[in-house]
């Protein structure tokens, strides 16, 4: 300790000793020393409620997992080729005169469509069971 603090404590020692703690402080100290502390409030855990809640969460999770994994794979209608409308033949020279940018886009998209149709034909040859159509129930 510093010399000034030591001197202050020595000079004012009688002022420090004049205050006594209250009886409540002594009672609490005595209670702790005697081994009879106040019992803390214990909140009982209702195991039945927690186990029921856990069971509900597990059942919902299992049902969700079953729902998303058990659906049979149904081929989409996009893979089925329908010849309802004949292909539209566009006069590219007329389209170039109107809008050349649109003509390029149209040509590009028709090439992509033809490419995808060829891929679908190849897939149909490799996996014919994917392209079977079930007759609609009436």
Protein backbone atom coordinates (compact mmCIF):
# COMPACT_ATOMS: atom_id res chain seq x y z
CA UNK A 1 0.00 0.00 0.00
CA UNK A 2 1.03 3.54 -0.48
CA UNK A 3 2.33 5.51 2.47
CA UNK A 4 -0.44 8.10 2.27
CA UNK A 5 -3.15 5.41 2.46
CA UNK A 6 -1.45 3.72 5.41
CA UNK A 7 -1.21 7.03 7.20
CA UNK A 8 -4.86 7.84 6.52
CA UNK A 9 -6.01 4.47 7.86
CA UNK A 10 -3.90 4.80 11.01
CA UNK A 11 -5.07 8.35 11.67
CA UNK A 12 -8.79 7.55 11.21
CA UNK A 13 -8.89 4.05 12.69
CA UNK A 14 -11.45 4.92 15.33
CA UNK A 15 -13.86 6.25 12.67
CA UNK A 16 -13.73 2.93 10.77
CA UNK A 17 -14.45 0.85 13.89
CA UNK A 18 -17.48 2.87 15.03
CA UNK A 19 -19.98 1.30 12.51
CA UNK A 20 -21.32 -2.14 13.33
CA UNK A 21 -23.21 -4.34 10.87
CA UNK A 22 -26.92 -4.84 11.41
CA UNK A 23 -28.38 -7.93 13.08
CA UNK A 24 -29.69 -9.18 9.73
CA UNK A 25 -26.13 -9.45 8.43
CA UNK A 26 -25.10 -11.45 11.50
CA UNK A 27 -28.16 -13.71 11.18
CA UNK A 28 -27.31 -14.51 7.53
CA UNK A 29 -23.70 -15.24 8.43
CA UNK A 30 -24.81 -17.45 11.32
CA UNK A 31 -27.28 -19.26 9.06
CA UNK A 32 -24.59 -20.03 6.49
CA UNK A 33 -22.14 -21.21 9.10
CA UNK A 34 -24.64 -23.43 10.90
CA UNK A 35 -25.37 -25.39 7.72
CA UNK A 36 -29.05 -24.49 7.43
CA UNK A 37 -29.13 -22.37 4.33
CA UNK A 38 -32.41 -21.48 2.74
CA UNK A 39 -33.46 -24.09 0.25
CA UNK A 40 -33.49 -22.86 -3.30
CA UNK A 41 -36.75 -23.15 -5.13
CA UNK A 42 -36.67 -26.25 -7.32
CA UNK A 43 -38.85 -26.27 -10.40
CA UNK A 44 -39.87 -29.81 -11.23
CA UNK A 45 -39.52 -30.83 -14.87
CA UNK A 46 -42.59 -32.43 -16.28
CA UNK A 47 -40.97 -35.27 -18.23
CA UNK A 48 -44.24 -36.42 -19.77
CA UNK A 49 -44.85 -33.08 -21.49
CA UNK A 50 -41.29 -32.83 -22.80
CA UNK A 51 -41.31 -36.39 -24.08
CA UNK A 52 -44.68 -35.84 -25.78
CA UNK A 53 -43.37 -32.67 -27.44
CA UNK A 54 -40.25 -34.50 -28.61
CA UNK A 55 -42.38 -37.33 -30.01
CA UNK A 56 -44.53 -34.85 -31.96
CA UNK A 57 -41.43 -33.18 -33.42
CA UNK A 58 -39.97 -36.55 -34.42
CA UNK A 59 -43.26 -37.67 -36.01
CA UNK A 60 -43.57 -34.46 -38.01
CA UNK A 61 -39.98 -34.79 -39.20
CA UNK A 62 -40.48 -38.43 -40.19
CA UNK A 63 -43.73 -37.64 -42.04
CA UNK A 64 -42.06 -34.79 -43.91
CA UNK A 65 -39.12 -37.00 -44.86
CA UNK A 66 -41.49 -39.75 -46.04
CA UNK A 67 -43.57 -37.26 -48.02
CA UNK A 68 -40.62 -35.89 -49.96
CA UNK A 69 -38.82 -39.17 -50.58
CA UNK A 70 -41.63 -41.61 -51.35
CA UNK A 71 -43.26 -39.92 -54.35
CA UNK A 72 -42.78 -41.91 -57.55
CA UNK A 73 -40.99 -40.16 -60.37
CA UNK A 74 -43.57 -39.24 -62.96
CA UNK A 75 -42.30 -38.09 -66.33
CA UNK A 76 -43.26 -34.53 -67.01
CA UNK A 77 -45.48 -33.60 -69.90
CA UNK A 78 -42.60 -31.63 -71.37
CA UNK A 79 -40.88 -34.90 -72.29
CA UNK A 80 -43.92 -36.12 -74.23
CA UNK A 81 -43.96 -34.99 -77.83
CA UNK A 82 -47.36 -34.04 -79.13
CA UNK A 83 -47.94 -33.38 -82.82
CA UNK A 84 -51.08 -31.35 -82.35
CA UNK A 85 -50.01 -28.29 -84.33
CA UNK A 86 -47.80 -28.49 -87.38
CA UNK A 87 -44.54 -26.54 -87.12
CA UNK A 88 -44.76 -22.92 -88.10
CA UNK A 89 -42.43 -22.00 -90.93
CA UNK A 90 -41.18 -18.46 -90.64
CA UNK A 91 -39.88 -16.59 -93.64
CA UNK A 92 -36.48 -15.47 -92.36
CA UNK A 93 -35.98 -12.89 -95.13
CA UNK A 94 -39.20 -11.13 -94.14
CA UNK A 95 -38.19 -11.27 -90.49
CA UNK A 96 -34.74 -9.81 -91.27
CA UNK A 97 -36.38 -6.90 -93.02
CA UNK A 98 -38.62 -6.18 -90.04
CA UNK A 99 -36.12 -6.67 -87.19
CA UNK A 100 -32.74 -8.37 -87.68
CA UNK A 101 -32.07 -8.73 -83.95
CA UNK A 102 -35.36 -10.54 -83.45
CA UNK A 103 -34.60 -12.79 -86.43
CA UNK A 104 -31.28 -13.84 -84.87
CA UNK A 105 -32.96 -14.56 -81.54
CA UNK A 106 -35.71 -16.56 -83.22
CA UNK A 107 -33.16 -18.59 -85.18
CA UNK A 108 -31.15 -19.24 -82.03
CA UNK A 109 -34.18 -20.41 -80.05
CA UNK A 110 -35.44 -22.68 -82.84
CA UNK A 111 -31.99 -24.29 -82.98
CA UNK A 112 -32.11 -24.86 -79.21
CA UNK A 113 -35.58 -26.39 -79.44
CA UNK A 114 -34.50 -28.74 -82.20
CA UNK A 115 -31.43 -29.75 -80.21
CA UNK A 116 -33.52 -30.53 -77.12
CA UNK A 117 -36.01 -32.53 -79.22
CA UNK A 118 -33.15 -34.60 -80.60
CA UNK A 119 -31.91 -35.21 -77.05
CA UNK A 120 -35.39 -36.32 -76.01
CA UNK A 121 -35.59 -38.75 -78.93
CA UNK A 122 -32.24 -40.21 -77.88
CA UNK A 123 -33.43 -40.56 -74.29
CA UNK A 124 -36.61 -42.22 -75.49
CA UNK A 125 -34.55 -44.83 -77.32
CA UNK A 126 -32.34 -45.47 -74.29
CA UNK A 127 -35.13 -45.50 -71.67
CA UNK A 128 -38.49 -46.29 -73.29
CA UNK A 129 -40.14 -46.89 -69.89
CA UNK A 130 -39.80 -43.18 -69.09
CA UNK A 131 -41.86 -42.22 -72.11
CA UNK A 132 -44.76 -44.62 -71.67
CA UNK A 133 -48.05 -42.85 -71.39
CA UNK A 134 -50.71 -44.19 -69.12
CA UNK A 135 -54.18 -44.00 -70.50
CA UNK A 136 -56.20 -41.43 -68.62
CA UNK A 137 -58.92 -42.87 -66.42
CA UNK A 138 -62.38 -41.80 -67.39
